[in-house]
């Protein structure tokens, strides 16, 4: 355990850190070259302008290090450096974690920018809404399971709506069971469109058109996440 020690402008080369805990230390402009961190943790440590090259490190080691209300710039800079380092070291999972934490830091930074009047309230609301939506639905395109949950939830919700309002949307008897509604929803959202079931009212056509448009976007996000994950791997 290392407490309140300054490593400002220090270059660490070929150092292996094992079970180390850094508390209230300073790594301002420090460089880590060909190092390795195993079971380490950072707390209240200043990592501003720290650089990593050829270093094996888990970005989660910094989970308790930053106050994202006040340290957003430092956090974003660190995770960006970690992302480049881990990508070069062919550690795709940790690189993804770094990129995800980078986006989370940028999201937290919006509040700081608004407080310092660097952005307008309208701009803040737009960017905040985008961050919240993108984080919850896709994990910034980095969390495949979130996209899968979003896709499954949308299919289930659309199927439920199509079943409940089957009499308002379809001809009598076209959709008589929840399975019929699920089948129609899945075929429609995947744009297969067999045509054996189709809306026959103006309201039905309007609702189904909206479902299809949203479904195409969600499916595109899902396929994009798969492709992105494959490329990073």
Protein backbone atom coordinates (compact mmCIF):
# COMPACT_ATOMS: atom_id res chain seq x y z
CA UNK A 1 0.00 0.00 0.00
CA UNK A 2 1.44 3.31 -1.13
CA UNK A 3 -0.07 6.44 0.41
CA UNK A 4 0.46 10.09 -0.57
CA UNK A 5 3.57 9.59 -2.67
CA UNK A 6 4.35 11.75 -5.70
CA UNK A 7 5.54 10.03 -8.89
CA UNK A 8 5.29 13.19 -10.96
CA UNK A 9 7.12 12.92 -14.32
CA UNK A 10 8.35 9.43 -13.39
CA UNK A 11 9.01 6.88 -16.13
CA UNK A 12 8.28 3.27 -15.15
CA UNK A 13 9.91 0.78 -17.49
CA UNK A 14 9.45 -3.00 -17.24
CA UNK A 15 7.94 -2.80 -13.75
CA UNK A 16 5.54 -5.46 -12.47
CA UNK A 17 3.05 -4.19 -9.89
CA UNK A 18 1.52 -7.04 -7.89
CA UNK A 19 -1.26 -6.50 -5.29
CA UNK A 20 -0.48 -2.79 -5.10
CA UNK A 21 -2.82 -0.17 -3.69
CA UNK A 22 -2.17 3.49 -4.51
CA UNK A 23 -3.99 5.93 -2.22
CA UNK A 24 -3.87 9.72 -2.73
CA UNK A 25 -0.75 9.47 -4.90
CA UNK A 26 0.32 11.69 -7.78
CA UNK A 27 1.12 10.25 -11.21
CA UNK A 28 1.05 13.58 -13.02
CA UNK A 29 2.67 13.11 -16.48
CA UNK A 30 3.97 9.68 -15.45
CA UNK A 31 4.79 7.13 -18.16
CA UNK A 32 4.32 3.37 -17.92
CA UNK A 33 6.25 1.43 -20.55
CA UNK A 34 6.07 -2.37 -20.82
CA UNK A 35 4.65 -2.64 -17.29
CA UNK A 36 2.13 -5.01 -15.76
CA UNK A 37 -0.52 -4.40 -13.09
CA UNK A 38 -2.00 -7.43 -11.31
CA UNK A 39 -4.69 -7.08 -8.62
CA UNK A 40 -3.99 -3.38 -8.18
CA UNK A 41 -6.24 -0.51 -7.16
CA UNK A 42 -6.11 3.28 -7.36
CA UNK A 43 -7.95 5.63 -5.02
CA UNK A 44 -7.98 9.44 -5.05
CA UNK A 45 -4.91 9.34 -7.25
CA UNK A 46 -4.06 12.09 -9.74
CA UNK A 47 -3.37 10.43 -13.11
CA UNK A 48 -3.53 13.61 -15.18
CA UNK A 49 -1.53 13.25 -18.43
CA UNK A 50 -0.35 9.74 -17.50
CA UNK A 51 0.58 7.64 -20.53
CA UNK A 52 0.61 3.87 -21.00
CA UNK A 53 2.49 1.93 -23.64
CA UNK A 54 2.88 -1.83 -23.92
CA UNK A 55 1.32 -2.12 -20.47
CA UNK A 56 -1.07 -4.77 -19.20
CA UNK A 57 -3.64 -3.14 -16.93
CA UNK A 58 -7.31 -3.48 -16.11
CA UNK A 59 -9.26 -0.19 -16.44
CA UNK A 60 -11.45 -1.39 -13.57
CA UNK A 61 -8.44 -0.80 -11.28
CA UNK A 62 -9.53 2.87 -11.41
CA UNK A 63 -13.17 2.17 -10.50
CA UNK A 64 -12.91 4.04 -7.18
CA UNK A 65 -10.37 6.59 -8.27
CA UNK A 66 -12.44 9.36 -9.80
CA UNK A 67 -15.14 11.70 -8.65
CA UNK A 68 -16.86 12.13 -12.00
CA UNK A 69 -18.38 15.42 -10.88
CA UNK A 70 -14.97 17.06 -10.57
CA UNK A 71 -12.43 14.79 -12.29
CA UNK A 72 -14.15 14.21 -15.62
CA UNK A 73 -11.37 15.64 -17.78
CA UNK A 74 -8.70 13.61 -15.99
CA UNK A 75 -10.82 10.46 -16.15
CA UNK A 76 -11.54 10.87 -19.86
CA UNK A 77 -7.85 11.46 -20.63
CA UNK A 78 -6.83 8.37 -18.66
CA UNK A 79 -9.39 6.03 -20.25
CA UNK A 80 -8.46 7.32 -23.69
CA UNK A 81 -4.80 6.50 -23.02
CA UNK A 82 -5.75 3.07 -21.66
CA UNK A 83 -7.93 2.37 -24.69
CA UNK A 84 -5.10 3.05 -27.14
CA UNK A 85 -2.65 1.02 -25.07
CA UNK A 86 -4.94 -1.99 -24.61
CA UNK A 87 -5.98 -1.97 -28.27
CA UNK A 88 -2.32 -2.15 -29.28
CA UNK A 89 -1.76 -4.93 -26.74
CA UNK A 90 -4.63 -6.94 -28.27
CA UNK A 91 -6.76 -6.99 -25.15
CA UNK A 92 -10.13 -6.30 -26.78
CA UNK A 93 -12.30 -6.85 -23.68
CA UNK A 94 -10.30 -4.43 -21.54
CA UNK A 95 -10.07 -1.99 -24.43
CA UNK A 96 -13.88 -2.05 -24.69
CA UNK A 97 -14.14 -1.44 -20.93
CA UNK A 98 -11.84 1.58 -21.31
CA UNK A 99 -13.88 2.98 -24.18
CA UNK A 100 -17.12 2.46 -22.26
CA UNK A 101 -15.71 4.25 -19.21
CA UNK A 102 -14.47 7.03 -21.49
CA UNK A 103 -18.02 7.60 -22.74
CA UNK A 104 -19.33 7.53 -19.17
CA UNK A 105 -16.77 10.18 -18.24
CA UNK A 106 -17.82 12.33 -21.19
CA UNK A 107 -21.43 11.99 -20.07
CA UNK A 108 -20.54 13.12 -16.54
CA UNK A 109 -18.49 15.98 -17.99
CA UNK A 110 -21.64 17.51 -19.49
CA UNK A 111 -22.87 18.55 -16.05
CA UNK A 112 -19.52 20.19 -15.34
CA UNK A 113 -19.65 22.05 -18.65
CA UNK A 114 -23.17 23.31 -17.93
CA UNK A 115 -22.16 24.46 -14.46
CA UNK A 116 -19.23 26.41 -15.93
CA UNK A 117 -21.52 27.72 -18.71
CA UNK A 118 -19.40 26.13 -21.43
CA UNK A 119 -22.55 24.78 -23.10
CA UNK A 120 -26.13 26.01 -23.27
CA UNK A 121 -29.01 24.27 -21.50
CA UNK A 122 -30.49 23.21 -24.84
CA UNK A 123 -27.19 21.67 -25.93
CA UNK A 124 -26.86 20.01 -22.52
CA UNK A 125 -30.33 18.47 -22.76
CA UNK A 126 -29.72 17.17 -26.30
CA UNK A 127 -26.35 15.63 -25.48
CA UNK A 128 -27.54 14.25 -22.14
CA UNK A 129 -30.57 12.62 -23.77
CA UNK A 130 -28.36 11.06 -26.44
CA UNK A 131 -25.94 9.71 -23.80
CA UNK A 132 -28.73 8.26 -21.67
CA UNK A 133 -30.46 6.62 -24.64
CA UNK A 134 -27.24 5.27 -26.15
CA UNK A 135 -25.96 4.03 -22.78
CA UNK A 136 -29.16 2.26 -21.75
CA UNK A 137 -30.00 0.70 -25.11
CA UNK A 138 -26.59 -0.28 -26.48
CA UNK A 139 -23.94 0.60 -23.89
CA UNK A 140 -22.53 3.06 -26.46
CA UNK A 141 -22.51 0.23 -28.99
CA UNK A 142 -20.10 -1.72 -26.80
CA UNK A 143 -22.44 -3.87 -24.70
CA UNK A 144 -23.98 -6.52 -26.95
CA UNK A 145 -26.22 -7.87 -24.20
CA UNK A 146 -27.89 -4.46 -23.76
CA UNK A 147 -28.71 -4.29 -27.46
CA UNK A 148 -30.12 -7.82 -27.24
CA UNK A 149 -32.27 -6.85 -24.24
CA UNK A 150 -33.50 -3.74 -26.08
CA UNK A 151 -34.33 -5.75 -29.20
CA UNK A 152 -36.11 -8.49 -27.24
CA UNK A 153 -38.07 -5.95 -25.20
CA UNK A 154 -39.18 -4.08 -28.31
CA UNK A 155 -40.31 -7.29 -30.04
CA UNK A 156 -42.21 -8.38 -26.93
CA UNK A 157 -43.86 -4.96 -26.52
CA UNK A 158 -44.84 -4.74 -30.20
CA UNK A 159 -46.23 -8.29 -30.11
CA UNK A 160 -48.31 -7.41 -27.04
CA UNK A 161 -49.69 -4.24 -28.66
CA UNK A 162 -50.51 -6.11 -31.88
CA UNK A 163 -52.34 -8.79 -29.91
CA UNK A 164 -54.28 -6.48 -27.61
CA UNK A 165 -55.44 -4.29 -30.49
CA UNK A 166 -55.80 -7.10 -33.02
CA UNK A 167 -59.44 -6.22 -33.75
CA UNK A 168 -58.48 -2.59 -34.49
CA UNK A 169 -55.50 -3.50 -36.68
CA UNK A 170 -56.31 -6.70 -38.56
CA UNK A 171 -59.14 -8.46 -40.31
CA UNK A 172 -61.22 -10.75 -38.12
CA UNK A 173 -59.39 -14.00 -37.36
CA UNK A 174 -56.00 -12.99 -38.82
CA UNK A 175 -54.47 -12.67 -35.33
CA UNK A 176 -56.23 -14.91 -32.83
CA UNK A 177 -53.40 -15.99 -30.48
CA UNK A 178 -50.30 -14.38 -28.93
CA UNK A 179 -48.19 -16.61 -31.19
CA UNK A 180 -49.89 -15.11 -34.25
CA UNK A 181 -49.04 -11.64 -32.97
CA UNK A 182 -45.42 -12.62 -32.24
CA UNK A 183 -45.08 -14.25 -35.68
CA UNK A 184 -46.46 -11.19 -37.46
CA UNK A 185 -44.27 -8.80 -35.42
CA UNK A 186 -41.08 -10.76 -36.04
CA UNK A 187 -41.75 -11.17 -39.77
CA UNK A 188 -42.56 -7.46 -40.08
CA UNK A 189 -39.61 -6.14 -38.09
CA UNK A 190 -37.15 -8.31 -40.03
CA UNK A 191 -38.73 -6.97 -43.25
CA UNK A 192 -39.47 -10.48 -44.52
CA UNK A 193 -43.11 -9.54 -45.02
CA UNK A 194 -44.74 -12.82 -46.11
CA UNK A 195 -48.07 -11.04 -46.51
CA UNK A 196 -50.23 -13.76 -44.98
CA UNK A 197 -51.13 -11.30 -42.18
CA UNK A 198 -51.36 -7.57 -42.79
CA UNK A 199 -53.08 -4.58 -41.18
CA UNK A 200 -56.33 -3.61 -42.85
CA UNK A 201 -57.18 -0.37 -41.06
CA UNK A 202 -55.64 3.10 -41.23
CA UNK A 203 -54.76 2.98 -37.54
CA UNK A 204 -53.20 -0.45 -37.90
CA UNK A 205 -51.08 0.60 -40.86
CA UNK A 206 -49.89 3.69 -39.01
CA UNK A 207 -48.89 1.79 -35.86
CA UNK A 208 -47.26 -1.08 -37.76
CA UNK A 209 -45.30 1.40 -39.90
CA UNK A 210 -43.94 3.05 -36.75
CA UNK A 211 -43.06 -0.35 -35.27
CA UNK A 212 -41.22 -1.30 -38.46
CA UNK A 213 -39.24 1.95 -38.59
CA UNK A 214 -38.15 1.63 -34.95
CA UNK A 215 -37.46 -2.08 -35.38
CA UNK A 216 -35.12 -1.47 -38.31
CA UNK A 217 -33.12 0.99 -36.19
CA UNK A 218 -32.89 -1.43 -33.23
CA UNK A 219 -31.92 -4.38 -35.44
CA UNK A 220 -29.30 -2.20 -37.15
CA UNK A 221 -27.82 -1.33 -33.75
CA UNK A 222 -27.73 -5.02 -32.88
CA UNK A 223 -25.97 -6.00 -36.11
CA UNK A 224 -23.59 -3.04 -35.78
CA UNK A 225 -22.63 -4.15 -32.25
CA UNK A 226 -21.95 -7.70 -33.47
CA UNK A 227 -19.81 -6.43 -36.36
CA UNK A 228 -17.93 -4.01 -34.09
CA UNK A 229 -17.26 -6.73 -31.52
CA UNK A 230 -16.01 -9.09 -34.25
CA UNK A 231 -13.63 -6.46 -35.65
CA UNK A 232 -12.21 -5.62 -32.18
CA UNK A 233 -11.70 -9.32 -31.44
